[in-house]
Amino acid sequence: MPDNKKSDSPIGIIIKSRLEEMERSQPWLARQVHKCTNTINGIIRGRFNPSEELLEKLSTVLSVDFSVLSEAVKRGDESSG
């Protein structure tokens, strides 16, 4: 199980879980979606919200349904609001 810190956002928990299941890293994910590692880490920590286009890429690369990621972003917005 990934080390989910209290500061991880709902989408961050999903991303970290999938990366662990896939035995992949944040830098690997960043390369797959053509973003820098800081962007991926910022999404995981809830500092940044991914665009719809980036959510689609994350969904494809991580094999997670788009709606699951989209709902996680909304939950993060509600908890930080």
N, C-alpha and C. Protein backbone atom coordinates (compact mmCIF):
# COMPACT_ATOMS: atom_id res chain seq x y z
N MET A 1 0.85 -1.19 0.00
CA MET A 1 0.00 0.00 0.00
C MET A 1 0.89 1.24 0.00
N PRO A 2 0.57 2.24 -0.82
CA PRO A 2 1.40 3.43 -0.88
C PRO A 2 1.34 4.23 0.42
N ASP A 3 2.39 4.99 0.64
CA ASP A 3 2.46 5.84 1.81
C ASP A 3 1.68 7.11 1.53
N ASN A 4 0.36 7.07 1.77
CA ASN A 4 -0.49 8.22 1.51
C ASN A 4 -0.41 9.19 2.68
N LYS A 5 0.15 10.34 2.39
CA LYS A 5 0.28 11.37 3.42
C LYS A 5 -1.03 12.12 3.53
N LYS A 6 -1.26 12.71 4.71
CA LYS A 6 -2.48 13.49 4.93
C LYS A 6 -2.63 14.58 3.88
N SER A 7 -1.51 15.08 3.36
CA SER A 7 -1.58 16.17 2.40
C SER A 7 -1.87 15.70 0.97
N ASP A 8 -1.94 14.39 0.74
CA ASP A 8 -2.26 13.91 -0.60
C ASP A 8 -3.73 14.17 -0.90
N SER A 9 -4.00 14.63 -2.11
CA SER A 9 -5.37 14.91 -2.55
C SER A 9 -6.06 13.59 -2.91
N PRO A 10 -7.39 13.62 -3.05
CA PRO A 10 -8.10 12.40 -3.46
C PRO A 10 -7.56 11.82 -4.77
N ILE A 11 -7.30 12.68 -5.77
CA ILE A 11 -6.75 12.16 -7.02
C ILE A 11 -5.32 11.66 -6.80
N GLY A 12 -4.61 12.31 -5.90
CA GLY A 12 -3.25 11.90 -5.59
C GLY A 12 -3.18 10.50 -5.02
N ILE A 13 -4.13 10.17 -4.18
CA ILE A 13 -4.18 8.83 -3.59
C ILE A 13 -4.39 7.79 -4.69
N ILE A 14 -5.28 8.10 -5.63
CA ILE A 14 -5.53 7.18 -6.75
C ILE A 14 -4.28 7.02 -7.60
N ILE A 15 -3.66 8.14 -7.94
CA ILE A 15 -2.45 8.10 -8.78
C ILE A 15 -1.36 7.28 -8.11
N LYS A 16 -1.10 7.57 -6.83
CA LYS A 16 -0.03 6.85 -6.14
C LYS A 16 -0.32 5.36 -6.02
N SER A 17 -1.57 5.02 -5.78
CA SER A 17 -1.96 3.61 -5.69
C SER A 17 -1.72 2.89 -7.02
N ARG A 18 -2.16 3.53 -8.10
CA ARG A 18 -1.98 2.90 -9.43
C ARG A 18 -0.50 2.80 -9.79
N LEU A 19 0.28 3.82 -9.48
CA LEU A 19 1.71 3.75 -9.78
C LEU A 19 2.36 2.60 -9.02
N GLU A 20 1.96 2.43 -7.77
CA GLU A 20 2.53 1.33 -7.00
C GLU A 20 2.12 -0.02 -7.60
N GLU A 21 0.85 -0.16 -7.95
CA GLU A 21 0.37 -1.40 -8.56
C GLU A 21 1.12 -1.70 -9.86
N MET A 22 1.43 -0.65 -10.61
CA MET A 22 2.11 -0.80 -11.89
C MET A 22 3.63 -0.87 -11.74
N GLU A 23 4.10 -0.67 -10.51
CA GLU A 23 5.54 -0.63 -10.21
C GLU A 23 6.23 0.45 -11.05
N ARG A 24 5.61 1.61 -11.05
CA ARG A 24 6.12 2.77 -11.79
C ARG A 24 6.29 3.95 -10.85
N SER A 25 6.97 4.97 -11.33
CA SER A 25 7.29 6.14 -10.50
C SER A 25 6.60 7.40 -11.05
N GLN A 26 6.63 8.44 -10.22
CA GLN A 26 6.10 9.73 -10.68
C GLN A 26 6.87 10.26 -11.88
N PRO A 27 8.22 10.17 -11.90
CA PRO A 27 8.93 10.63 -13.10
C PRO A 27 8.52 9.85 -14.36
N TRP A 28 8.26 8.55 -14.22
CA TRP A 28 7.80 7.76 -15.37
C TRP A 28 6.47 8.31 -15.86
N LEU A 29 5.53 8.55 -14.93
CA LEU A 29 4.22 9.06 -15.29
C LEU A 29 4.35 10.43 -15.97
N ALA A 30 5.20 11.27 -15.43
CA ALA A 30 5.41 12.60 -16.00
C ALA A 30 5.86 12.49 -17.47
N ARG A 31 6.78 11.58 -17.73
CA ARG A 31 7.24 11.39 -19.11
C ARG A 31 6.11 10.91 -20.02
N GLN A 32 5.27 10.02 -19.51
CA GLN A 32 4.18 9.46 -20.32
C GLN A 32 3.16 10.53 -20.73
N VAL A 33 2.93 11.50 -19.85
CA VAL A 33 1.91 12.52 -20.13
C VAL A 33 2.54 13.86 -20.55
N HIS A 34 3.86 13.84 -20.77
CA HIS A 34 4.59 15.00 -21.26
C HIS A 34 4.46 16.21 -20.33
N LYS A 35 4.63 15.95 -19.03
CA LYS A 35 4.62 17.01 -18.02
C LYS A 35 5.86 16.84 -17.14
N CYS A 36 6.20 17.86 -16.39
CA CYS A 36 7.34 17.73 -15.49
C CYS A 36 6.91 17.01 -14.20
N THR A 37 7.89 16.43 -13.54
CA THR A 37 7.61 15.69 -12.30
C THR A 37 6.97 16.60 -11.26
N ASN A 38 7.37 17.87 -11.23
CA ASN A 38 6.79 18.80 -10.25
C ASN A 38 5.28 18.97 -10.48
N THR A 39 4.85 18.92 -11.72
CA THR A 39 3.41 19.03 -12.02
C THR A 39 2.67 17.82 -11.46
N ILE A 40 3.21 16.63 -11.70
CA ILE A 40 2.58 15.41 -11.20
C ILE A 40 2.53 15.44 -9.68
N ASN A 41 3.64 15.83 -9.06
CA ASN A 41 3.67 15.91 -7.60
C ASN A 41 2.69 16.96 -7.10
N GLY A 42 2.56 18.06 -7.80
CA GLY A 42 1.61 19.11 -7.41
C GLY A 42 0.17 18.63 -7.47
N ILE A 43 -0.14 17.80 -8.46
CA ILE A 43 -1.48 17.23 -8.56
C ILE A 43 -1.72 16.27 -7.40
N ILE A 44 -0.74 15.44 -7.12
CA ILE A 44 -0.86 14.47 -6.02
C ILE A 44 -1.07 15.20 -4.70
N ARG A 45 -0.37 16.28 -4.49
CA ARG A 45 -0.47 17.04 -3.23
C ARG A 45 -1.64 18.00 -3.20
N GLY A 46 -2.35 18.15 -4.32
CA GLY A 46 -3.51 19.03 -4.34
C GLY A 46 -3.17 20.49 -4.59
N ARG A 47 -1.94 20.76 -5.01
CA ARG A 47 -1.55 22.15 -5.31
C ARG A 47 -2.04 22.58 -6.68
N PHE A 48 -2.20 21.61 -7.60
CA PHE A 48 -2.65 21.90 -8.96
C PHE A 48 -3.82 20.99 -9.29
N ASN A 49 -4.73 21.51 -10.08
CA ASN A 49 -5.79 20.69 -10.66
C ASN A 49 -5.43 20.41 -12.11
N PRO A 50 -5.50 19.16 -12.52
CA PRO A 50 -5.18 18.85 -13.92
C PRO A 50 -6.28 19.34 -14.85
N SER A 51 -5.88 19.73 -16.05
CA SER A 51 -6.86 20.10 -17.08
C SER A 51 -7.61 18.83 -17.50
N GLU A 52 -8.70 19.03 -18.22
CA GLU A 52 -9.45 17.88 -18.73
C GLU A 52 -8.57 17.04 -19.66
N GLU A 53 -7.77 17.72 -20.47
CA GLU A 53 -6.86 17.01 -21.38
C GLU A 53 -5.86 16.15 -20.61
N LEU A 54 -5.29 16.71 -19.54
CA LEU A 54 -4.33 15.95 -18.74
C LEU A 54 -5.03 14.81 -18.01
N LEU A 55 -6.24 15.05 -17.53
CA LEU A 55 -7.00 13.96 -16.89
C LEU A 55 -7.22 12.80 -17.86
N GLU A 56 -7.50 13.12 -19.11
CA GLU A 56 -7.69 12.07 -20.12
C GLU A 56 -6.40 11.28 -20.31
N LYS A 57 -5.26 11.97 -20.36
CA LYS A 57 -3.97 11.29 -20.51
C LYS A 57 -3.68 10.41 -19.29
N LEU A 58 -3.91 10.97 -18.10
CA LEU A 58 -3.68 10.19 -16.87
C LEU A 58 -4.58 8.96 -16.85
N SER A 59 -5.82 9.12 -17.24
CA SER A 59 -6.77 8.02 -17.28
C SER A 59 -6.26 6.90 -18.18
N THR A 60 -5.78 7.27 -19.35
CA THR A 60 -5.28 6.28 -20.31
C THR A 60 -4.02 5.59 -19.79
N VAL A 61 -3.06 6.37 -19.35
CA VAL A 61 -1.77 5.81 -18.91
C VAL A 61 -1.94 4.93 -17.67
N LEU A 62 -2.79 5.37 -16.75
CA LEU A 62 -2.97 4.63 -15.50
C LEU A 62 -4.06 3.56 -15.58
N SER A 63 -4.78 3.52 -16.69
CA SER A 63 -5.90 2.58 -16.85
C SER A 63 -6.93 2.75 -15.73
N VAL A 64 -7.30 4.01 -15.52
CA VAL A 64 -8.32 4.35 -14.53
C VAL A 64 -9.42 5.10 -15.29
N ASP A 65 -10.66 4.77 -15.02
CA ASP A 65 -11.76 5.42 -15.69
C ASP A 65 -11.70 6.94 -15.49
N PHE A 66 -11.91 7.67 -16.58
CA PHE A 66 -11.87 9.13 -16.53
C PHE A 66 -12.79 9.68 -15.45
N SER A 67 -13.99 9.12 -15.32
CA SER A 67 -14.96 9.65 -14.36
C SER A 67 -14.46 9.49 -12.92
N VAL A 68 -13.70 8.45 -12.65
CA VAL A 68 -13.14 8.25 -11.31
C VAL A 68 -12.15 9.37 -10.99
N LEU A 69 -11.29 9.69 -11.95
CA LEU A 69 -10.32 10.77 -11.73
C LEU A 69 -11.02 12.12 -11.63
N SER A 70 -12.00 12.35 -12.49
CA SER A 70 -12.73 13.61 -12.47
C SER A 70 -13.44 13.82 -11.13
N GLU A 71 -14.09 12.79 -10.64
CA GLU A 71 -14.78 12.87 -9.33
C GLU A 71 -13.78 13.12 -8.20
N ALA A 72 -12.60 12.52 -8.30
CA ALA A 72 -11.57 12.73 -7.27
C ALA A 72 -11.11 14.18 -7.24
N VAL A 73 -11.00 14.79 -8.42
CA VAL A 73 -10.63 16.21 -8.48
C VAL A 73 -11.72 17.06 -7.82
N LYS A 74 -12.98 16.74 -8.11
CA LYS A 74 -14.09 17.49 -7.51
C LYS A 74 -14.09 17.34 -5.99
N ARG A 75 -13.82 16.13 -5.49
CA ARG A 75 -13.76 15.92 -4.02
C ARG A 75 -12.64 16.74 -3.41
N GLY A 76 -11.53 16.83 -4.11
CA GLY A 76 -10.42 17.63 -3.63
C GLY A 76 -10.77 19.11 -3.55
N ASP A 77 -11.49 19.57 -4.57
CA ASP A 77 -11.92 20.97 -4.58
C ASP A 77 -12.87 21.27 -3.42
N GLU A 78 -13.77 20.33 -3.14
CA GLU A 78 -14.73 20.53 -2.06
C GLU A 78 -14.04 20.55 -0.70
N SER A 79 -13.04 19.69 -0.52
CA SER A 79 -12.38 19.61 0.79
C SER A 79 -11.44 20.79 1.02
N SER A 80 -10.96 21.41 -0.06
CA SER A 80 -10.04 22.55 0.11
C SER A 80 -10.78 23.87 0.10
N GLY A 81 -12.07 23.84 -0.29
CA GLY A 81 -12.84 25.05 -0.50
C GLY A 81 -13.27 25.71 0.72
